[in-house]
């Protein structure tokens, strides 16, 4: 089972159908492939294909199929050769015991979420820890003010305007996509001014 990174969500299943008996399989037979998400119960593929190739003793036929999915879960891959019982098989005991032509394999898709973060105001700080996380893992984002130009300090983390924490390091369990904002602020000072003497003039701009 191969995941193809060039095509999002594409999984390619390859296998070989082999004749391990002592007689050629000269007639046509069907082969069934079932791919099912065991977590959700969804059946992605349940398909029978007619094989017209002869299959001599100790020879094999290369097989491949593919599906596209990005849904998280545990997946069953089941291949059944001679699924319609077209070819008689015997193992010195019975046809029923010889007709064991099913093999199971599995693969897992783990949900991955995007944790994005921005800075407000722009250029006031830097963020580490944003990126993709597996569901249930712990994300840790750290906001650091940039003080080379102005004396910014960290204020808080918000999401869609809603306060999250006042700590510059934000740790949380990942259960969904998130868009966080690290907010920074500048110190505010009170400037008072009076004229001396009081009747000598007026002052504006204090505050």
C-alpha atoms as a PDB file:
ATOM      1  CA  UNK A   1       0.000   0.000   0.000  1.00  0.00           C
ATOM      2  CA  UNK A   2       1.564   3.273  -1.131  1.00  0.00           C
ATOM      3  CA  UNK A   3       0.561   6.851  -0.382  1.00  0.00           C
ATOM      4  CA  UNK A   4       1.268   9.158  -3.328  1.00  0.00           C
ATOM      5  CA  UNK A   5       2.459  12.597  -2.094  1.00  0.00           C
ATOM      6  CA  UNK A   6       1.914  14.102  -5.560  1.00  0.00           C
ATOM      7  CA  UNK A   7      -1.846  13.481  -5.371  1.00  0.00           C
ATOM      8  CA  UNK A   8      -3.455  14.450  -2.098  1.00  0.00           C
ATOM      9  CA  UNK A   9      -5.258  11.544  -0.484  1.00  0.00           C
ATOM     10  CA  UNK A  10      -4.380   8.947  -3.151  1.00  0.00           C
ATOM     11  CA  UNK A  11      -3.498   5.438  -1.951  1.00  0.00           C
ATOM     12  CA  UNK A  12      -2.310   2.776  -4.365  1.00  0.00           C
ATOM     13  CA  UNK A  13      -2.656  -0.905  -3.474  1.00  0.00           C
ATOM     14  CA  UNK A  14      -0.477  -3.409  -5.306  1.00  0.00           C
ATOM     15  CA  UNK A  15      -0.380  -7.182  -4.954  1.00  0.00           C
ATOM     16  CA  UNK A  16       0.450 -10.365  -6.854  1.00  0.00           C
ATOM     17  CA  UNK A  17      -1.992 -13.165  -7.557  1.00  0.00           C
ATOM     18  CA  UNK A  18      -0.078 -16.454  -7.560  1.00  0.00           C
ATOM     19  CA  UNK A  19      -0.860 -20.013  -8.621  1.00  0.00           C
ATOM     20  CA  UNK A  20       0.666 -22.282  -5.960  1.00  0.00           C
ATOM     21  CA  UNK A  21      -1.192 -25.397  -7.074  1.00  0.00           C
ATOM     22  CA  UNK A  22      -0.097 -28.215  -9.377  1.00  0.00           C
ATOM     23  CA  UNK A  23      -2.297 -27.371 -12.363  1.00  0.00           C
ATOM     24  CA  UNK A  24      -2.635 -24.364 -14.628  1.00  0.00           C
ATOM     25  CA  UNK A  25      -5.545 -21.986 -14.092  1.00  0.00           C
ATOM     26  CA  UNK A  26      -6.522 -21.732 -17.723  1.00  0.00           C
ATOM     27  CA  UNK A  27     -10.056 -20.339 -17.443  1.00  0.00           C
ATOM     28  CA  UNK A  28     -11.268 -16.864 -16.486  1.00  0.00           C
ATOM     29  CA  UNK A  29     -11.907 -15.993 -12.867  1.00  0.00           C
ATOM     30  CA  UNK A  30     -12.971 -12.983 -10.805  1.00  0.00           C
ATOM     31  CA  UNK A  31     -10.946 -11.115  -8.230  1.00  0.00           C
ATOM     32  CA  UNK A  32     -12.557  -8.878  -5.637  1.00  0.00           C
ATOM     33  CA  UNK A  33     -10.984  -5.952  -3.789  1.00  0.00           C
ATOM     34  CA  UNK A  34     -12.663  -4.356  -0.784  1.00  0.00           C
ATOM     35  CA  UNK A  35     -11.391  -1.171   0.907  1.00  0.00           C
ATOM     36  CA  UNK A  36     -13.302  -0.091   3.985  1.00  0.00           C
ATOM     37  CA  UNK A  37     -12.872   2.534   6.690  1.00  0.00           C
ATOM     38  CA  UNK A  38     -13.347   0.440   9.823  1.00  0.00           C
ATOM     39  CA  UNK A  39     -13.620   3.553  11.987  1.00  0.00           C
ATOM     40  CA  UNK A  40     -16.588   5.077  10.155  1.00  0.00           C
ATOM     41  CA  UNK A  41     -17.911   2.005   8.325  1.00  0.00           C
ATOM     42  CA  UNK A  42     -17.592   3.733   4.939  1.00  0.00           C
ATOM     43  CA  UNK A  43     -16.840   1.445   2.005  1.00  0.00           C
ATOM     44  CA  UNK A  44     -14.470   3.208  -0.407  1.00  0.00           C
ATOM     45  CA  UNK A  45     -14.246   0.404  -2.937  1.00  0.00           C
ATOM     46  CA  UNK A  46     -15.968  -2.946  -3.433  1.00  0.00           C
ATOM     47  CA  UNK A  47     -15.115  -4.113  -6.910  1.00  0.00           C
ATOM     48  CA  UNK A  48     -14.870  -7.389  -8.818  1.00  0.00           C
ATOM     49  CA  UNK A  49     -12.649  -7.621 -11.877  1.00  0.00           C
ATOM     50  CA  UNK A  50     -12.691 -10.387 -14.443  1.00  0.00           C
ATOM     51  CA  UNK A  51      -9.283 -11.925 -15.062  1.00  0.00           C
ATOM     52  CA  UNK A  52      -8.900 -13.507 -18.483  1.00  0.00           C
ATOM     53  CA  UNK A  53      -5.161 -14.152 -18.238  1.00  0.00           C
ATOM     54  CA  UNK A  54      -4.070 -17.759 -17.888  1.00  0.00           C
ATOM     55  CA  UNK A  55      -2.220 -18.432 -14.669  1.00  0.00           C
ATOM     56  CA  UNK A  56       0.227 -21.335 -15.059  1.00  0.00           C
ATOM     57  CA  UNK A  57       1.665 -23.205 -12.095  1.00  0.00           C
ATOM     58  CA  UNK A  58       4.038 -21.071  -9.984  1.00  0.00           C
ATOM     59  CA  UNK A  59       3.351 -17.960 -12.036  1.00  0.00           C
ATOM     60  CA  UNK A  60       2.008 -14.628 -10.786  1.00  0.00           C
ATOM     61  CA  UNK A  61      -0.101 -11.756 -12.076  1.00  0.00           C
ATOM     62  CA  UNK A  62       0.715  -8.186 -10.973  1.00  0.00           C
ATOM     63  CA  UNK A  63      -2.305  -6.306  -9.652  1.00  0.00           C
ATOM     64  CA  UNK A  64      -2.959  -2.678  -8.702  1.00  0.00           C
ATOM     65  CA  UNK A  65      -5.835  -0.453  -7.685  1.00  0.00           C
ATOM     66  CA  UNK A  66      -6.151   2.948  -6.043  1.00  0.00           C
ATOM     67  CA  UNK A  67      -8.546   5.072  -4.028  1.00  0.00           C
ATOM     68  CA  UNK A  68      -8.618   8.681  -2.917  1.00  0.00           C
ATOM     69  CA  UNK A  69      -9.531   9.630   0.622  1.00  0.00           C
ATOM     70  CA  UNK A  70      -8.365  11.950   3.378  1.00  0.00           C
ATOM     71  CA  UNK A  71     -10.800  10.788   6.053  1.00  0.00           C
ATOM     72  CA  UNK A  72      -9.083   9.705   9.243  1.00  0.00           C
ATOM     73  CA  UNK A  73      -9.508   6.112  10.361  1.00  0.00           C
ATOM     74  CA  UNK A  74      -8.259   2.539  10.234  1.00  0.00           C
ATOM     75  CA  UNK A  75      -8.720   0.970   6.802  1.00  0.00           C
ATOM     76  CA  UNK A  76      -9.151  -2.658   5.782  1.00  0.00           C
ATOM     77  CA  UNK A  77      -7.901  -3.844   2.402  1.00  0.00           C
ATOM     78  CA  UNK A  78      -9.227  -7.289   1.445  1.00  0.00           C
ATOM     79  CA  UNK A  79      -8.397  -9.108  -1.785  1.00  0.00           C
ATOM     80  CA  UNK A  80     -10.218 -12.320  -2.720  1.00  0.00           C
ATOM     81  CA  UNK A  81      -8.993 -14.268  -5.712  1.00  0.00           C
ATOM     82  CA  UNK A  82     -11.510 -16.470  -7.546  1.00  0.00           C
ATOM     83  CA  UNK A  83     -14.232 -14.627  -5.648  1.00  0.00           C
ATOM     84  CA  UNK A  84     -17.012 -16.356  -7.634  1.00  0.00           C
ATOM     85  CA  UNK A  85     -15.460 -19.806  -7.228  1.00  0.00           C
ATOM     86  CA  UNK A  86     -14.982 -20.339 -10.952  1.00  0.00           C
ATOM     87  CA  UNK A  87     -11.939 -22.571 -10.564  1.00  0.00           C
ATOM     88  CA  UNK A  88     -12.037 -25.908  -8.777  1.00  0.00           C
ATOM     89  CA  UNK A  89      -9.400 -26.262  -6.068  1.00  0.00           C
ATOM     90  CA  UNK A  90      -8.491 -29.275  -3.988  1.00  0.00           C
ATOM     91  CA  UNK A  91      -5.914 -29.755  -1.221  1.00  0.00           C
ATOM     92  CA  UNK A  92      -6.329 -33.494  -0.522  1.00  0.00           C
ATOM     93  CA  UNK A  93      -8.962 -32.600   2.045  1.00  0.00           C
ATOM     94  CA  UNK A  94     -11.772 -30.745   0.288  1.00  0.00           C
ATOM     95  CA  UNK A  95     -12.557 -27.976  -2.130  1.00  0.00           C
ATOM     96  CA  UNK A  96     -13.815 -25.781   0.722  1.00  0.00           C
ATOM     97  CA  UNK A  97     -10.543 -25.937   2.662  1.00  0.00           C
ATOM     98  CA  UNK A  98      -8.545 -25.339  -0.502  1.00  0.00           C
ATOM     99  CA  UNK A  99     -10.601 -22.281  -1.422  1.00  0.00           C
ATOM    100  CA  UNK A 100      -8.729 -19.978   0.977  1.00  0.00           C
ATOM    101  CA  UNK A 101      -7.927 -17.176  -1.403  1.00  0.00           C
ATOM    102  CA  UNK A 102      -8.486 -14.110   0.756  1.00  0.00           C
ATOM    103  CA  UNK A 103      -5.772 -11.881   2.201  1.00  0.00           C
ATOM    104  CA  UNK A 104      -6.218  -8.824   4.437  1.00  0.00           C
ATOM    105  CA  UNK A 105      -4.000  -5.789   4.847  1.00  0.00           C
ATOM    106  CA  UNK A 106      -4.523  -2.429   6.531  1.00  0.00           C
ATOM    107  CA  UNK A 107      -3.421   1.162   6.647  1.00  0.00           C
ATOM    108  CA  UNK A 108      -4.206   4.135   8.852  1.00  0.00           C
ATOM    109  CA  UNK A 109      -4.953   7.772   8.096  1.00  0.00           C
ATOM    110  CA  UNK A 110      -4.338  10.109  11.026  1.00  0.00           C
ATOM    111  CA  UNK A 111      -6.165  13.447  11.143  1.00  0.00           C
ATOM    112  CA  UNK A 112      -3.807  16.399  10.827  1.00  0.00           C
ATOM    113  CA  UNK A 113      -4.826  19.961  11.725  1.00  0.00           C
ATOM    114  CA  UNK A 114      -3.306  23.308  10.787  1.00  0.00           C
ATOM    115  CA  UNK A 115      -2.381  25.642  13.635  1.00  0.00           C
ATOM    116  CA  UNK A 116      -1.785  29.092  12.155  1.00  0.00           C
ATOM    117  CA  UNK A 117      -0.744  32.243  14.011  1.00  0.00           C
ATOM    118  CA  UNK A 118      -0.411  35.917  13.197  1.00  0.00           C
ATOM    119  CA  UNK A 119       1.074  39.000  14.879  1.00  0.00           C
ATOM    120  CA  UNK A 120      -0.827  42.147  15.853  1.00  0.00           C
ATOM    121  CA  UNK A 121       0.356  44.766  15.090  1.00  0.00           C
ATOM    122  CA  UNK A 122       2.450  43.521  12.176  1.00  0.00           C
ATOM    123  CA  UNK A 123       6.155  43.448  12.936  1.00  0.00           C
ATOM    124  CA  UNK A 124       5.671  43.739  16.688  1.00  0.00           C
ATOM    125  CA  UNK A 125       6.867  40.207  17.406  1.00  0.00           C
ATOM    126  CA  UNK A 126       7.734  36.746  16.180  1.00  0.00           C
ATOM    127  CA  UNK A 127       6.014  33.366  16.658  1.00  0.00           C
ATOM    128  CA  UNK A 128       7.367  29.840  16.846  1.00  0.00           C
ATOM    129  CA  UNK A 129       5.405  26.579  16.924  1.00  0.00           C
ATOM    130  CA  UNK A 130       2.771  27.160  14.245  1.00  0.00           C
ATOM    131  CA  UNK A 131       2.285  24.394  11.678  1.00  0.00           C
ATOM    132  CA  UNK A 132       0.622  21.006  11.220  1.00  0.00           C
ATOM    133  CA  UNK A 133      -0.166  18.768  14.182  1.00  0.00           C
ATOM    134  CA  UNK A 134      -1.616  15.286  14.535  1.00  0.00           C
ATOM    135  CA  UNK A 135      -4.949  15.156  16.357  1.00  0.00           C
ATOM    136  CA  UNK A 136      -4.491  14.750  20.111  1.00  0.00           C
ATOM    137  CA  UNK A 137      -0.919  16.041  20.111  1.00  0.00           C
ATOM    138  CA  UNK A 138       0.116  19.089  22.129  1.00  0.00           C
ATOM    139  CA  UNK A 139       0.946  22.299  20.293  1.00  0.00           C
ATOM    140  CA  UNK A 140       3.220  24.859  21.891  1.00  0.00           C
ATOM    141  CA  UNK A 141       3.318  28.360  20.424  1.00  0.00           C
ATOM    142  CA  UNK A 142       5.647  31.035  21.754  1.00  0.00           C
ATOM    143  CA  UNK A 143       5.378  34.763  21.021  1.00  0.00           C
ATOM    144  CA  UNK A 144       8.442  36.995  21.404  1.00  0.00           C
ATOM    145  CA  UNK A 145       8.322  40.798  21.094  1.00  0.00           C
ATOM    146  CA  UNK A 146      10.617  42.654  18.704  1.00  0.00           C
ATOM    147  CA  UNK A 147      12.241  45.549  20.576  1.00  0.00           C
ATOM    148  CA  UNK A 148      14.875  46.721  18.104  1.00  0.00           C
ATOM    149  CA  UNK A 149      12.739  49.650  16.951  1.00  0.00           C
ATOM    150  CA  UNK A 150      10.059  50.113  19.615  1.00  0.00           C
ATOM    151  CA  UNK A 151       9.706  48.667  23.144  1.00  0.00           C
ATOM    152  CA  UNK A 152       6.918  46.202  22.365  1.00  0.00           C
ATOM    153  CA  UNK A 153       5.729  43.779  25.064  1.00  0.00           C
ATOM    154  CA  UNK A 154       3.508  40.722  24.710  1.00  0.00           C
ATOM    155  CA  UNK A 155      -0.154  41.261  25.632  1.00  0.00           C
ATOM    156  CA  UNK A 156      -2.145  38.069  24.995  1.00  0.00           C
ATOM    157  CA  UNK A 157      -3.253  35.341  22.607  1.00  0.00           C
ATOM    158  CA  UNK A 158      -6.681  35.624  20.963  1.00  0.00           C
ATOM    159  CA  UNK A 159      -8.675  33.567  18.473  1.00  0.00           C
ATOM    160  CA  UNK A 160     -11.236  35.421  16.362  1.00  0.00           C
ATOM    161  CA  UNK A 161     -11.028  38.210  18.925  1.00  0.00           C
ATOM    162  CA  UNK A 162     -11.641  35.905  21.907  1.00  0.00           C
ATOM    163  CA  UNK A 163      -9.062  35.907  24.697  1.00  0.00           C
ATOM    164  CA  UNK A 164      -7.115  32.647  25.138  1.00  0.00           C
ATOM    165  CA  UNK A 165      -4.229  33.301  27.512  1.00  0.00           C
ATOM    166  CA  UNK A 166      -1.958  36.094  28.751  1.00  0.00           C
ATOM    167  CA  UNK A 167       1.074  33.797  28.763  1.00  0.00           C
ATOM    168  CA  UNK A 168       3.421  34.279  25.847  1.00  0.00           C
ATOM    169  CA  UNK A 169       3.757  30.465  25.607  1.00  0.00           C
ATOM    170  CA  UNK A 170       0.444  28.831  24.710  1.00  0.00           C
ATOM    171  CA  UNK A 171       0.183  25.039  25.068  1.00  0.00           C
ATOM    172  CA  UNK A 172      -3.005  23.151  24.098  1.00  0.00           C
ATOM    173  CA  UNK A 173      -4.249  19.814  22.821  1.00  0.00           C
ATOM    174  CA  UNK A 174      -4.944  19.864  19.084  1.00  0.00           C
ATOM    175  CA  UNK A 175      -8.519  18.919  18.157  1.00  0.00           C
ATOM    176  CA  UNK A 176      -9.237  21.230  15.188  1.00  0.00           C
ATOM    177  CA  UNK A 177      -7.782  23.826  12.837  1.00  0.00           C
ATOM    178  CA  UNK A 178      -7.003  27.074  14.638  1.00  0.00           C
ATOM    179  CA  UNK A 179      -6.115  30.644  13.657  1.00  0.00           C
ATOM    180  CA  UNK A 180      -4.481  32.407  16.600  1.00  0.00           C
ATOM    181  CA  UNK A 181      -3.229  35.956  17.015  1.00  0.00           C
ATOM    182  CA  UNK A 182      -0.365  37.077  19.250  1.00  0.00           C
ATOM    183  CA  UNK A 183      -1.118  40.616  20.394  1.00  0.00           C
ATOM    184  CA  UNK A 184       1.619  43.045  21.419  1.00  0.00           C
ATOM    185  CA  UNK A 185       1.458  46.503  22.951  1.00  0.00           C
ATOM    186  CA  UNK A 186       3.634  49.520  23.591  1.00  0.00           C
ATOM    187  CA  UNK A 187       4.025  51.114  27.048  1.00  0.00           C
ATOM    188  CA  UNK A 188       1.901  54.210  27.724  1.00  0.00           C
ATOM    189  CA  UNK A 189       3.260  57.145  29.769  1.00  0.00           C
ATOM    190  CA  UNK A 190       1.458  60.100  31.334  1.00  0.00           C
ATOM    191  CA  UNK A 191       2.886  63.479  30.348  1.00  0.00           C
ATOM    192  CA  UNK A 192       1.822  66.422  32.502  1.00  0.00           C
ATOM    193  CA  UNK A 193       2.743  70.049  31.891  1.00  0.00           C
ATOM    194  CA  UNK A 194       2.006  73.421  33.515  1.00  0.00           C
ATOM    195  CA  UNK A 195       2.970  76.941  32.641  1.00  0.00           C
ATOM    196  CA  UNK A 196       5.253  78.838  35.002  1.00  0.00           C
ATOM    197  CA  UNK A 197       4.122  81.350  36.065  1.00  0.00           C
ATOM    198  CA  UNK A 198       0.509  80.206  35.638  1.00  0.00           C
ATOM    199  CA  UNK A 199      -0.495  83.489  34.007  1.00  0.00           C
ATOM    200  CA  UNK A 200       2.454  83.366  31.669  1.00  0.00           C
ATOM    201  CA  UNK A 201       0.811  81.184  29.002  1.00  0.00           C
ATOM    202  CA  UNK A 202      -1.050  77.971  28.169  1.00  0.00           C
ATOM    203  CA  UNK A 203       0.168  74.422  27.503  1.00  0.00           C
ATOM    204  CA  UNK A 204      -1.371  71.900  25.075  1.00  0.00           C
ATOM    205  CA  UNK A 205      -0.488  68.309  24.254  1.00  0.00           C
ATOM    206  CA  UNK A 206      -0.272  66.822  27.739  1.00  0.00           C
ATOM    207  CA  UNK A 207      -1.841  63.366  28.310  1.00  0.00           C
END
